[in-house]
Amino acid sequence: GGGHASNLNAVNAGTYPLATLTGLSLGANLGQGNPNNYQLSTVGSSIIVTKIPIIVTGDSSGTVQKTYDGNTALPVTGTAPYSVSGGLLAGDTVSFSGAPAFDSANAGARTITQGSLVVTGASAGNYSLSFTNGIGTINKAPLDITANNAAGFYGQSPTLTVSYLGFVNGETATSANVTASVARDLVTNVLTPSMSAANYYARTVTTGTYTLVAADKMLITLND
């Protein structure tokens, strides 16, 4: 009759009015009941066509790694950092746009999240994306701190400075909350830098040299 599921003119996912039941009647197989004592009616006023799930699972092997670069983008490799399950109906056009991402840009153990990944295409409205988080790592970026060479007369204590090499994403010592100091060995005149702990950087140090100038000499310092 008119209420048969085959009469539902619905192709896409959504909510549709339920057709009126026609051509249906209660039979005699009601046990001890008399069919004349019952009225056949619909329950509810609509029918829901649900979306087909596409399940995306983030890589959980721990092999997704990159060096700190100040953003949450996953590393670009030849292998997708996720797997996909769930079939498409014949004739449907569905694709992905965007990409999964780390949950934070900070170095350390990270969670791979859905990020900006969404389902697109002509049939996208009939599919739902379900993302299962994965795991990965952002390793600290290498940062070299060098004690700048210095010179001074006997008895002087000139300011000792350092240079940095390795900051990424436009960061500086100030923005990365890095402070440094230089220690001078009074015997060897070697300048050794030290740096506060850095959340995103693995530091290496390069020493400098302090030159003592006799009092009867002229000291000329050239800036780089």
N, C-alpha and C. Protein backbone atom coordinates (compact mmCIF):
# COMPACT_ATOMS: atom_id res chain seq x y z
N GLY A 1 0.82 -1.19 0.00
CA GLY A 1 0.00 0.00 0.00
C GLY A 1 0.86 1.24 0.00
N GLY A 2 0.23 2.42 0.18
CA GLY A 2 0.95 3.68 0.16
C GLY A 2 1.92 3.83 1.28
N GLY A 3 1.77 3.02 2.36
CA GLY A 3 2.68 3.14 3.49
C GLY A 3 3.88 2.24 3.41
N HIS A 4 4.06 1.49 2.36
CA HIS A 4 5.19 0.59 2.21
C HIS A 4 6.47 1.39 2.05
N ALA A 5 7.59 0.84 2.61
CA ALA A 5 8.87 1.55 2.55
C ALA A 5 9.29 1.85 1.12
N SER A 6 8.84 1.01 0.18
CA SER A 6 9.23 1.26 -1.21
C SER A 6 8.59 2.51 -1.78
N ASN A 7 7.59 3.03 -1.08
CA ASN A 7 6.93 4.24 -1.55
C ASN A 7 7.57 5.51 -0.99
N LEU A 8 8.62 5.36 -0.17
CA LEU A 8 9.30 6.52 0.40
C LEU A 8 10.26 7.09 -0.64
N ASN A 9 9.97 8.25 -1.12
CA ASN A 9 10.78 8.86 -2.17
C ASN A 9 11.92 9.67 -1.54
N ALA A 10 12.86 8.95 -0.88
CA ALA A 10 13.97 9.61 -0.17
C ALA A 10 15.27 8.94 -0.56
N VAL A 11 16.21 9.72 -1.03
CA VAL A 11 17.52 9.20 -1.42
C VAL A 11 18.58 9.64 -0.43
N ASN A 12 18.57 10.91 -0.05
CA ASN A 12 19.60 11.46 0.81
C ASN A 12 19.24 11.31 2.29
N ALA A 13 20.26 11.38 3.13
CA ALA A 13 20.04 11.33 4.57
C ALA A 13 19.22 12.53 5.01
N GLY A 14 18.35 12.32 6.00
CA GLY A 14 17.52 13.40 6.50
C GLY A 14 16.25 12.87 7.12
N THR A 15 15.32 13.77 7.44
CA THR A 15 14.03 13.40 8.02
C THR A 15 12.92 13.68 7.02
N TYR A 16 12.06 12.69 6.81
CA TYR A 16 11.03 12.80 5.80
C TYR A 16 9.66 12.47 6.39
N PRO A 17 8.57 13.11 5.88
CA PRO A 17 7.22 12.78 6.35
C PRO A 17 6.91 11.32 6.06
N LEU A 18 6.21 10.67 7.00
CA LEU A 18 5.84 9.27 6.82
C LEU A 18 4.58 9.19 5.98
N ALA A 19 4.61 8.39 4.92
CA ALA A 19 3.44 8.25 4.05
C ALA A 19 2.27 7.63 4.80
N THR A 20 1.03 7.95 4.38
CA THR A 20 -0.16 7.39 5.01
C THR A 20 -0.28 5.91 4.66
N LEU A 21 -0.63 5.11 5.65
CA LEU A 21 -0.79 3.67 5.42
C LEU A 21 -2.13 3.42 4.73
N THR A 22 -2.09 2.87 3.55
CA THR A 22 -3.32 2.52 2.84
C THR A 22 -3.22 1.09 2.36
N GLY A 23 -4.35 0.48 2.22
CA GLY A 23 -4.37 -0.89 1.69
C GLY A 23 -3.96 -1.92 2.71
N LEU A 24 -3.84 -1.54 4.01
CA LEU A 24 -3.45 -2.48 5.06
C LEU A 24 -4.64 -2.66 5.99
N SER A 25 -4.81 -3.89 6.49
CA SER A 25 -5.90 -4.17 7.43
C SER A 25 -5.46 -5.20 8.43
N LEU A 26 -6.16 -5.26 9.55
CA LEU A 26 -5.87 -6.25 10.56
C LEU A 26 -6.50 -7.57 10.19
N GLY A 27 -5.74 -8.64 10.29
CA GLY A 27 -6.26 -9.96 9.98
C GLY A 27 -6.86 -10.62 11.20
N ALA A 28 -7.17 -11.88 11.05
CA ALA A 28 -7.82 -12.62 12.14
C ALA A 28 -6.84 -13.20 13.13
N ASN A 29 -5.52 -13.13 12.83
CA ASN A 29 -4.52 -13.76 13.69
C ASN A 29 -4.18 -12.86 14.88
N LEU A 30 -5.14 -12.57 15.70
CA LEU A 30 -4.95 -11.73 16.87
C LEU A 30 -5.18 -12.52 18.15
N GLY A 31 -5.00 -13.80 18.09
CA GLY A 31 -5.25 -14.61 19.28
C GLY A 31 -6.73 -14.61 19.60
N GLN A 32 -7.09 -14.20 20.78
CA GLN A 32 -8.48 -14.15 21.20
C GLN A 32 -9.13 -12.83 20.85
N GLY A 33 -8.35 -11.88 20.25
CA GLY A 33 -8.89 -10.55 19.97
C GLY A 33 -9.75 -10.53 18.73
N ASN A 34 -10.69 -9.63 18.73
CA ASN A 34 -11.55 -9.42 17.58
C ASN A 34 -11.00 -8.24 16.80
N PRO A 35 -10.62 -8.42 15.52
CA PRO A 35 -10.02 -7.32 14.75
C PRO A 35 -10.94 -6.11 14.65
N ASN A 36 -12.21 -6.31 14.84
CA ASN A 36 -13.13 -5.18 14.78
C ASN A 36 -12.99 -4.24 15.97
N ASN A 37 -12.29 -4.73 16.99
CA ASN A 37 -12.12 -3.91 18.19
C ASN A 37 -10.85 -3.07 18.15
N TYR A 38 -10.11 -3.10 17.03
CA TYR A 38 -8.84 -2.40 16.93
C TYR A 38 -8.84 -1.46 15.73
N GLN A 39 -8.04 -0.40 15.88
CA GLN A 39 -7.88 0.56 14.78
C GLN A 39 -6.41 0.61 14.39
N LEU A 40 -6.10 0.48 13.13
CA LEU A 40 -4.72 0.52 12.63
C LEU A 40 -4.32 1.97 12.38
N SER A 41 -3.21 2.40 12.95
CA SER A 41 -2.74 3.78 12.75
C SER A 41 -1.22 3.80 12.74
N THR A 42 -0.65 4.90 12.24
CA THR A 42 0.81 5.06 12.22
C THR A 42 1.29 5.55 13.57
N VAL A 43 2.52 5.27 13.88
CA VAL A 43 3.17 5.77 15.09
C VAL A 43 4.25 6.74 14.67
N GLY A 44 4.11 7.99 15.07
CA GLY A 44 5.06 8.99 14.63
C GLY A 44 4.64 9.58 13.30
N SER A 45 5.34 10.65 12.92
CA SER A 45 4.94 11.35 11.71
C SER A 45 6.06 11.49 10.70
N SER A 46 7.22 10.87 10.96
CA SER A 46 8.34 11.01 10.04
C SER A 46 9.23 9.79 10.09
N ILE A 47 10.07 9.67 9.11
CA ILE A 47 11.06 8.61 9.05
C ILE A 47 12.42 9.24 8.83
N ILE A 48 13.44 8.70 9.52
CA ILE A 48 14.79 9.26 9.46
C ILE A 48 15.70 8.35 8.66
N VAL A 49 16.34 8.92 7.66
CA VAL A 49 17.36 8.21 6.88
C VAL A 49 18.71 8.64 7.43
N THR A 50 19.41 7.76 8.10
CA THR A 50 20.66 8.12 8.78
C THR A 50 21.84 8.13 7.81
N LYS A 51 22.87 8.87 8.19
CA LYS A 51 24.09 8.95 7.38
C LYS A 51 24.93 7.69 7.55
N ILE A 52 25.67 7.36 6.53
CA ILE A 52 26.58 6.22 6.58
C ILE A 52 27.88 6.68 7.24
N PRO A 53 28.36 5.98 8.29
CA PRO A 53 29.58 6.41 8.96
C PRO A 53 30.85 6.06 8.17
N ILE A 54 31.75 7.01 8.12
CA ILE A 54 33.10 6.77 7.62
C ILE A 54 34.02 6.90 8.83
N ILE A 55 34.69 5.83 9.18
CA ILE A 55 35.51 5.80 10.38
C ILE A 55 36.98 6.03 10.01
N VAL A 56 37.55 7.09 10.55
CA VAL A 56 38.95 7.42 10.31
C VAL A 56 39.71 7.24 11.63
N THR A 57 40.76 6.46 11.60
CA THR A 57 41.54 6.15 12.81
C THR A 57 42.95 6.69 12.67
N GLY A 58 43.34 7.56 13.58
CA GLY A 58 44.69 8.12 13.58
C GLY A 58 45.73 7.06 13.86
N ASP A 59 46.92 7.24 13.31
CA ASP A 59 48.01 6.29 13.51
C ASP A 59 48.34 6.16 14.99
N SER A 60 48.37 4.92 15.49
CA SER A 60 48.67 4.69 16.90
C SER A 60 49.98 3.95 17.10
N SER A 61 50.80 3.86 16.04
CA SER A 61 52.06 3.12 16.14
C SER A 61 53.16 3.92 16.82
N GLY A 62 52.96 5.24 16.93
CA GLY A 62 53.99 6.09 17.53
C GLY A 62 55.07 6.51 16.57
N THR A 63 54.90 6.18 15.28
CA THR A 63 55.95 6.50 14.29
C THR A 63 55.75 7.89 13.67
N VAL A 64 54.63 8.54 13.94
CA VAL A 64 54.40 9.88 13.38
C VAL A 64 55.16 10.89 14.24
N GLN A 65 56.27 11.38 13.71
CA GLN A 65 57.13 12.29 14.46
C GLN A 65 57.61 13.44 13.57
N LYS A 66 57.89 14.55 14.20
CA LYS A 66 58.51 15.67 13.50
C LYS A 66 59.31 16.48 14.50
N THR A 67 60.13 17.39 13.98
CA THR A 67 60.89 18.32 14.82
C THR A 67 60.07 19.58 15.04
N TYR A 68 60.13 20.11 16.23
CA TYR A 68 59.35 21.30 16.58
C TYR A 68 59.52 22.40 15.54
N ASP A 69 58.38 22.91 15.05
CA ASP A 69 58.42 24.00 14.07
C ASP A 69 57.39 25.08 14.40
N GLY A 70 56.78 24.99 15.57
CA GLY A 70 55.87 26.03 16.01
C GLY A 70 54.44 25.89 15.52
N ASN A 71 54.09 24.78 14.83
CA ASN A 71 52.71 24.60 14.39
C ASN A 71 52.27 23.15 14.62
N THR A 72 50.97 22.91 14.43
CA THR A 72 50.39 21.61 14.75
C THR A 72 50.29 20.66 13.55
N ALA A 73 50.76 21.10 12.38
CA ALA A 73 50.65 20.27 11.18
C ALA A 73 51.43 18.97 11.34
N LEU A 74 50.87 17.87 10.83
CA LEU A 74 51.57 16.60 10.87
C LEU A 74 52.68 16.59 9.82
N PRO A 75 53.71 15.76 10.02
CA PRO A 75 54.79 15.71 9.02
C PRO A 75 54.28 15.16 7.69
N VAL A 76 54.85 15.66 6.61
CA VAL A 76 54.48 15.20 5.27
C VAL A 76 55.35 14.00 4.92
N THR A 77 54.73 12.84 4.78
CA THR A 77 55.45 11.62 4.43
C THR A 77 54.69 10.94 3.30
N GLY A 78 55.21 9.82 2.87
CA GLY A 78 54.55 9.08 1.80
C GLY A 78 53.39 8.23 2.28
N THR A 79 53.20 8.15 3.60
CA THR A 79 52.13 7.33 4.17
C THR A 79 51.16 8.19 4.94
N ALA A 80 49.87 8.01 4.70
CA ALA A 80 48.85 8.78 5.42
C ALA A 80 48.89 8.41 6.90
N PRO A 81 48.80 9.39 7.80
CA PRO A 81 48.87 9.12 9.25
C PRO A 81 47.52 8.66 9.81
N TYR A 82 46.71 8.01 8.99
CA TYR A 82 45.42 7.51 9.44
C TYR A 82 44.93 6.43 8.48
N SER A 83 43.97 5.63 8.95
CA SER A 83 43.35 4.62 8.11
C SER A 83 41.86 4.90 8.03
N VAL A 84 41.23 4.41 6.96
CA VAL A 84 39.81 4.69 6.72
C VAL A 84 39.05 3.38 6.56
N SER A 85 37.91 3.27 7.22
CA SER A 85 37.04 2.12 7.05
C SER A 85 35.60 2.60 6.86
N GLY A 86 34.77 1.77 6.28
CA GLY A 86 33.40 2.16 5.97
C GLY A 86 33.25 2.30 4.47
N GLY A 87 32.29 1.57 3.90
CA GLY A 87 32.16 1.55 2.44
C GLY A 87 31.28 2.66 1.90
N LEU A 88 31.49 2.97 0.65
CA LEU A 88 30.67 3.95 -0.05
C LEU A 88 29.67 3.22 -0.93
N LEU A 89 28.50 3.82 -1.08
CA LEU A 89 27.51 3.24 -1.97
C LEU A 89 27.91 3.49 -3.42
N ALA A 90 27.56 2.56 -4.27
CA ALA A 90 27.90 2.70 -5.69
C ALA A 90 27.32 3.98 -6.25
N GLY A 91 28.14 4.71 -6.97
CA GLY A 91 27.70 5.94 -7.60
C GLY A 91 27.88 7.18 -6.75
N ASP A 92 28.19 7.01 -5.46
CA ASP A 92 28.40 8.18 -4.59
C ASP A 92 29.78 8.78 -4.82
N THR A 93 29.86 10.09 -4.70
CA THR A 93 31.14 10.80 -4.85
C THR A 93 31.50 11.45 -3.52
N VAL A 94 32.54 10.92 -2.88
CA VAL A 94 32.97 11.40 -1.57
C VAL A 94 34.49 11.49 -1.55
N SER A 95 35.01 12.54 -0.95
CA SER A 95 36.46 12.68 -0.77
C SER A 95 36.72 13.40 0.54
N PHE A 96 38.01 13.60 0.86
CA PHE A 96 38.41 14.29 2.08
C PHE A 96 39.00 15.65 1.75
N SER A 97 38.78 16.59 2.65
CA SER A 97 39.43 17.89 2.58
C SER A 97 40.01 18.20 3.95
N GLY A 98 41.12 18.94 3.97
CA GLY A 98 41.77 19.24 5.24
C GLY A 98 42.69 18.10 5.66
N ALA A 99 43.12 18.12 6.90
CA ALA A 99 44.07 17.12 7.38
C ALA A 99 44.01 17.00 8.90
N PRO A 100 44.33 15.81 9.42
CA PRO A 100 44.47 15.67 10.87
C PRO A 100 45.62 16.54 11.37
N ALA A 101 45.70 16.75 12.67
CA ALA A 101 46.75 17.61 13.24
C ALA A 101 47.08 17.17 14.65
N PHE A 102 48.25 17.58 15.11
CA PHE A 102 48.59 17.36 16.51
C PHE A 102 47.71 18.25 17.40
N ASP A 103 47.49 17.82 18.62
CA ASP A 103 46.65 18.58 19.54
C ASP A 103 47.33 19.85 20.05
N SER A 104 48.64 19.95 19.89
CA SER A 104 49.39 21.13 20.34
C SER A 104 50.65 21.23 19.51
N ALA A 105 51.19 22.45 19.42
CA ALA A 105 52.45 22.66 18.69
C ALA A 105 53.66 22.39 19.57
N ASN A 106 53.47 22.20 20.87
CA ASN A 106 54.58 22.05 21.80
C ASN A 106 55.29 20.71 21.63
N ALA A 107 56.57 20.69 21.93
CA ALA A 107 57.34 19.46 21.86
C ALA A 107 56.88 18.49 22.94
N GLY A 108 56.97 17.19 22.62
CA GLY A 108 56.59 16.16 23.56
C GLY A 108 55.67 15.13 22.93
N ALA A 109 55.14 14.22 23.74
CA ALA A 109 54.18 13.24 23.25
C ALA A 109 52.88 13.96 22.90
N ARG A 110 52.35 13.69 21.72
CA ARG A 110 51.20 14.44 21.22
C ARG A 110 50.08 13.48 20.79
N THR A 111 48.87 14.02 20.75
CA THR A 111 47.70 13.30 20.25
C THR A 111 47.40 13.76 18.84
N ILE A 112 47.15 12.79 17.95
CA ILE A 112 46.74 13.12 16.59
C ILE A 112 45.22 13.27 16.59
N THR A 113 44.74 14.45 16.28
CA THR A 113 43.30 14.73 16.30
C THR A 113 42.76 14.89 14.88
N GLN A 114 41.45 15.05 14.78
CA GLN A 114 40.82 15.22 13.46
C GLN A 114 41.29 16.47 12.74
N GLY A 115 41.67 17.50 13.48
CA GLY A 115 42.14 18.73 12.86
C GLY A 115 41.07 19.33 11.96
N SER A 116 41.44 19.61 10.71
CA SER A 116 40.50 20.23 9.76
C SER A 116 39.92 19.20 8.78
N LEU A 117 40.12 17.91 9.05
CA LEU A 117 39.67 16.87 8.13
C LEU A 117 38.14 16.79 8.09
N VAL A 118 37.56 16.90 6.91
CA VAL A 118 36.11 16.80 6.72
C VAL A 118 35.82 16.01 5.46
N VAL A 119 34.58 15.52 5.37
CA VAL A 119 34.13 14.81 4.17
C VAL A 119 33.57 15.82 3.18
N THR A 120 33.99 15.72 1.94
CA THR A 120 33.50 16.62 0.90
C THR A 120 33.03 15.79 -0.30
N GLY A 121 32.52 16.47 -1.30
CA GLY A 121 32.05 15.79 -2.49
C GLY A 121 30.54 15.89 -2.63
N ALA A 122 30.04 15.51 -3.79
CA ALA A 122 28.62 15.65 -4.10
C ALA A 122 27.73 14.86 -3.15
N SER A 123 28.25 13.75 -2.61
CA SER A 123 27.45 12.89 -1.72
C SER A 123 27.83 13.05 -0.25
N ALA A 124 28.60 14.08 0.07
CA ALA A 124 29.12 14.24 1.44
C ALA A 124 28.01 14.32 2.48
N GLY A 125 26.87 14.91 2.12
CA GLY A 125 25.79 15.06 3.09
C GLY A 125 25.18 13.75 3.55
N ASN A 126 25.49 12.66 2.87
CA ASN A 126 24.95 11.36 3.25
C ASN A 126 25.92 10.53 4.08
N TYR A 127 27.05 11.14 4.45
CA TYR A 127 28.07 10.41 5.21
C TYR A 127 28.49 11.23 6.42
N SER A 128 28.82 10.54 7.51
CA SER A 128 29.32 11.20 8.72
C SER A 128 30.73 10.69 9.01
N LEU A 129 31.60 11.58 9.43
CA LEU A 129 32.99 11.22 9.72
C LEU A 129 33.16 11.02 11.22
N SER A 130 33.66 9.86 11.59
CA SER A 130 33.96 9.56 12.99
C SER A 130 35.47 9.35 13.12
N PHE A 131 36.13 10.20 13.92
CA PHE A 131 37.60 10.16 14.00
C PHE A 131 38.04 9.60 15.36
N THR A 132 38.93 8.63 15.30
CA THR A 132 39.55 8.07 16.51
C THR A 132 40.98 8.60 16.60
N ASN A 133 41.31 9.24 17.71
CA ASN A 133 42.62 9.87 17.87
C ASN A 133 43.76 8.86 17.79
N GLY A 134 44.90 9.34 17.31
CA GLY A 134 46.13 8.55 17.29
C GLY A 134 47.18 9.19 18.19
N ILE A 135 48.41 8.73 18.10
CA ILE A 135 49.49 9.27 18.92
C ILE A 135 50.71 9.57 18.05
N GLY A 136 51.49 10.55 18.48
CA GLY A 136 52.71 10.93 17.77
C GLY A 136 53.62 11.71 18.69
N THR A 137 54.67 12.27 18.13
CA THR A 137 55.68 12.98 18.93
C THR A 137 56.19 14.19 18.17
N ILE A 138 56.35 15.30 18.89
CA ILE A 138 57.07 16.45 18.36
C ILE A 138 58.38 16.54 19.14
N ASN A 139 59.50 16.35 18.44
CA ASN A 139 60.80 16.39 19.08
C ASN A 139 61.31 17.83 19.20
N LYS A 140 62.14 18.08 20.18
CA LYS A 140 62.70 19.42 20.36
C LYS A 140 63.60 19.77 19.18
N ALA A 141 63.57 21.04 18.80
CA ALA A 141 64.43 21.52 17.72
C ALA A 141 65.83 21.81 18.26
N PRO A 142 66.87 21.56 17.47
CA PRO A 142 68.23 21.86 17.93
C PRO A 142 68.47 23.36 17.99
N LEU A 143 69.08 23.81 19.06
CA LEU A 143 69.40 25.23 19.23
C LEU A 143 70.84 25.35 19.74
N ASP A 144 71.67 26.04 18.98
CA ASP A 144 73.06 26.24 19.39
C ASP A 144 73.21 27.60 20.05
N ILE A 145 73.88 27.62 21.20
CA ILE A 145 74.16 28.86 21.90
C ILE A 145 75.68 29.02 21.94
N THR A 146 76.16 30.15 21.44
CA THR A 146 77.60 30.39 21.32
C THR A 146 78.00 31.59 22.17
N ALA A 147 79.06 31.40 22.94
CA ALA A 147 79.63 32.53 23.70
C ALA A 147 80.43 33.39 22.73
N ASN A 148 80.07 34.64 22.61
CA ASN A 148 80.79 35.54 21.72
C ASN A 148 82.17 35.85 22.28
N ASN A 149 83.18 35.85 21.39
CA ASN A 149 84.53 36.20 21.83
C ASN A 149 84.53 37.61 22.42
N ALA A 150 85.39 37.81 23.39
CA ALA A 150 85.46 39.12 24.06
C ALA A 150 86.91 39.42 24.43
N ALA A 151 87.15 40.67 24.78
CA ALA A 151 88.49 41.09 25.17
C ALA A 151 88.38 42.23 26.18
N GLY A 152 89.42 42.38 26.98
CA GLY A 152 89.40 43.46 27.97
C GLY A 152 90.76 43.63 28.61
N PHE A 153 90.93 44.79 29.23
CA PHE A 153 92.17 45.04 29.96
C PHE A 153 92.14 44.29 31.28
N TYR A 154 93.32 44.13 31.86
CA TYR A 154 93.43 43.51 33.18
C TYR A 154 92.57 44.30 34.17
N GLY A 155 91.79 43.55 34.97
CA GLY A 155 90.97 44.19 35.98
C GLY A 155 89.60 44.60 35.49
N GLN A 156 89.36 44.57 34.17
CA GLN A 156 88.05 44.92 33.66
C GLN A 156 87.11 43.71 33.67
N SER A 157 85.82 43.99 33.67
CA SER A 157 84.80 42.94 33.60
C SER A 157 83.76 43.33 32.55
N PRO A 158 84.15 43.21 31.28
CA PRO A 158 83.20 43.60 30.22
C PRO A 158 81.98 42.67 30.20
N THR A 159 80.90 43.15 29.62
CA THR A 159 79.69 42.34 29.49
C THR A 159 79.92 41.22 28.48
N LEU A 160 79.61 40.02 28.89
CA LEU A 160 79.77 38.86 28.01
C LEU A 160 78.42 38.50 27.41
N THR A 161 78.41 38.22 26.12
CA THR A 161 77.16 37.98 25.41
C THR A 161 77.17 36.65 24.68
N VAL A 162 76.02 36.28 24.18
CA VAL A 162 75.88 35.03 23.44
C VAL A 162 75.15 35.28 22.13
N SER A 163 75.27 34.31 21.23
CA SER A 163 74.50 34.31 19.98
C SER A 163 73.75 32.99 19.89
N TYR A 164 72.57 33.04 19.24
CA TYR A 164 71.75 31.84 19.09
C TYR A 164 71.64 31.47 17.61
N LEU A 165 71.56 30.17 17.36
CA LEU A 165 71.31 29.69 16.01
C LEU A 165 70.34 28.51 16.10
N GLY A 166 69.18 28.66 15.50
CA GLY A 166 68.26 27.54 15.48
C GLY A 166 66.82 27.86 15.83
N PHE A 167 66.52 29.08 16.25
CA PHE A 167 65.13 29.42 16.54
C PHE A 167 64.28 29.25 15.29
N VAL A 168 63.05 28.75 15.46
CA VAL A 168 62.16 28.51 14.32
C VAL A 168 60.89 29.34 14.45
N ASN A 169 60.18 29.43 13.35
CA ASN A 169 58.87 30.07 13.32
C ASN A 169 58.91 31.51 13.82
N GLY A 170 60.03 32.20 13.57
CA GLY A 170 60.15 33.59 13.95
C GLY A 170 60.36 33.83 15.44
N GLU A 171 60.64 32.77 16.19
CA GLU A 171 60.82 32.93 17.63
C GLU A 171 62.18 33.56 17.95
N THR A 172 62.25 34.14 19.13
CA THR A 172 63.49 34.74 19.64
C THR A 172 63.71 34.22 21.05
N ALA A 173 64.85 34.59 21.62
CA ALA A 173 65.13 34.18 23.00
C ALA A 173 64.04 34.69 23.94
N THR A 174 63.56 35.89 23.65
CA THR A 174 62.52 36.47 24.51
C THR A 174 61.21 35.72 24.38
N SER A 175 60.76 35.49 23.14
CA SER A 175 59.47 34.83 22.95
C SER A 175 59.51 33.37 23.37
N ALA A 176 60.69 32.74 23.28
CA ALA A 176 60.83 31.34 23.69
C ALA A 176 61.17 31.22 25.18
N ASN A 177 61.23 32.36 25.86
CA ASN A 177 61.51 32.40 27.30
C ASN A 177 62.85 31.73 27.63
N VAL A 178 63.86 32.07 26.83
CA VAL A 178 65.21 31.51 27.01
C VAL A 178 66.13 32.60 27.54
N THR A 179 66.85 32.30 28.59
CA THR A 179 67.86 33.21 29.13
C THR A 179 69.21 32.51 29.14
N ALA A 180 70.27 33.30 28.99
CA ALA A 180 71.61 32.71 28.91
C ALA A 180 72.60 33.52 29.74
N SER A 181 73.67 32.87 30.10
CA SER A 181 74.78 33.53 30.81
C SER A 181 76.09 32.94 30.31
N VAL A 182 77.18 33.63 30.60
CA VAL A 182 78.50 33.18 30.16
C VAL A 182 79.45 33.17 31.35
N ALA A 183 80.16 32.08 31.52
CA ALA A 183 81.16 31.95 32.59
C ALA A 183 82.56 31.99 31.97
N ARG A 184 83.46 32.79 32.60
CA ARG A 184 84.83 32.90 32.11
C ARG A 184 85.77 32.14 33.03
N ASP A 185 86.56 31.25 32.43
CA ASP A 185 87.60 30.55 33.19
C ASP A 185 88.80 31.47 33.31
N LEU A 186 89.15 31.88 34.51
CA LEU A 186 90.22 32.86 34.72
C LEU A 186 91.59 32.29 34.41
N VAL A 187 91.71 30.99 34.29
CA VAL A 187 93.00 30.39 33.97
C VAL A 187 93.15 30.23 32.46
N THR A 188 92.16 29.66 31.81
CA THR A 188 92.24 29.38 30.38
C THR A 188 91.62 30.48 29.52
N ASN A 189 90.85 31.37 30.17
CA ASN A 189 90.12 32.43 29.46
C ASN A 189 89.14 31.88 28.43
N VAL A 190 88.63 30.67 28.68
CA VAL A 190 87.57 30.11 27.84
C VAL A 190 86.23 30.60 28.35
N LEU A 191 85.40 31.02 27.42
CA LEU A 191 84.06 31.48 27.76
C LEU A 191 83.06 30.36 27.47
N THR A 192 82.32 29.95 28.51
CA THR A 192 81.37 28.84 28.36
C THR A 192 79.95 29.35 28.60
N PRO A 193 79.09 29.21 27.61
CA PRO A 193 77.71 29.68 27.78
C PRO A 193 76.84 28.64 28.47
N SER A 194 75.79 29.10 29.08
CA SER A 194 74.77 28.20 29.64
C SER A 194 73.42 28.83 29.35
N MET A 195 72.40 28.00 29.33
CA MET A 195 71.08 28.47 28.95
C MET A 195 70.03 27.82 29.82
N SER A 196 68.98 28.56 30.13
CA SER A 196 67.88 28.00 30.89
C SER A 196 67.19 26.91 30.09
N ALA A 197 66.46 26.07 30.79
CA ALA A 197 65.73 24.99 30.10
C ALA A 197 64.76 25.58 29.10
N ALA A 198 64.71 24.97 27.93
CA ALA A 198 63.80 25.43 26.87
C ALA A 198 62.81 24.33 26.56
N ASN A 199 61.53 24.66 26.58
CA ASN A 199 60.49 23.65 26.38
C ASN A 199 60.52 23.04 24.99
N TYR A 200 60.99 23.81 24.00
CA TYR A 200 60.86 23.36 22.62
C TYR A 200 62.21 23.11 21.94
N TYR A 201 63.31 23.34 22.65
CA TYR A 201 64.62 23.29 22.00
C TYR A 201 65.59 22.39 22.77
N ALA A 202 66.40 21.64 22.01
CA ALA A 202 67.48 20.84 22.57
C ALA A 202 68.77 21.62 22.34
N ARG A 203 69.38 22.10 23.38
CA ARG A 203 70.48 23.04 23.23
C ARG A 203 71.83 22.35 23.13
N THR A 204 72.72 22.95 22.35
CA THR A 204 74.14 22.61 22.33
C THR A 204 74.90 23.91 22.57
N VAL A 205 76.12 23.82 23.09
CA VAL A 205 76.88 25.03 23.42
C VAL A 205 78.19 25.06 22.65
N THR A 206 78.57 26.27 22.28
CA THR A 206 79.87 26.50 21.64
C THR A 206 80.60 27.56 22.46
N THR A 207 81.83 27.23 22.85
CA THR A 207 82.58 28.15 23.71
C THR A 207 83.20 29.29 22.91
N GLY A 208 83.58 30.33 23.62
CA GLY A 208 84.28 31.46 23.03
C GLY A 208 85.60 31.68 23.75
N THR A 209 86.30 32.74 23.39
CA THR A 209 87.62 33.04 23.97
C THR A 209 87.65 34.46 24.49
N TYR A 210 88.25 34.61 25.66
CA TYR A 210 88.43 35.95 26.23
C TYR A 210 89.92 36.31 26.11
N THR A 211 90.17 37.47 25.53
CA THR A 211 91.54 37.92 25.33
C THR A 211 91.88 39.04 26.30
N LEU A 212 92.97 38.84 27.08
CA LEU A 212 93.44 39.87 28.00
C LEU A 212 94.36 40.83 27.25
N VAL A 213 94.13 42.12 27.44
CA VAL A 213 94.92 43.15 26.76
C VAL A 213 95.76 43.89 27.80
N ALA A 214 97.04 44.00 27.50
CA ALA A 214 97.93 44.72 28.43
C ALA A 214 97.53 46.18 28.54
N ALA A 215 97.84 46.77 29.69
CA ALA A 215 97.42 48.15 29.96
C ALA A 215 98.04 49.14 28.99
N ASP A 216 99.22 48.82 28.41
CA ASP A 216 99.86 49.76 27.51
C ASP A 216 99.46 49.54 26.05
N LYS A 217 98.42 48.71 25.86
CA LYS A 217 97.96 48.44 24.50
C LYS A 217 96.62 49.12 24.27
N MET A 218 96.28 49.30 22.99
CA MET A 218 94.98 49.87 22.65
C MET A 218 94.03 48.74 22.28
N LEU A 219 92.81 48.82 22.79
CA LEU A 219 91.80 47.81 22.51
C LEU A 219 90.77 48.39 21.56
N ILE A 220 90.65 47.80 20.42
CA ILE A 220 89.65 48.21 19.44
C ILE A 220 88.70 47.06 19.21
N THR A 221 87.41 47.27 19.46
CA THR A 221 86.40 46.23 19.28
C THR A 221 85.60 46.52 18.03
N LEU A 222 85.54 45.57 17.12
CA LEU A 222 84.77 45.71 15.90
C LEU A 222 83.48 44.92 16.01
N ASN A 223 82.37 45.56 15.69
CA ASN A 223 81.09 44.89 15.69
C ASN A 223 80.87 44.16 14.38
N ASP A 224 80.28 42.97 14.46
CA ASP A 224 79.99 42.22 13.23
C ASP A 224 78.91 42.91 12.43
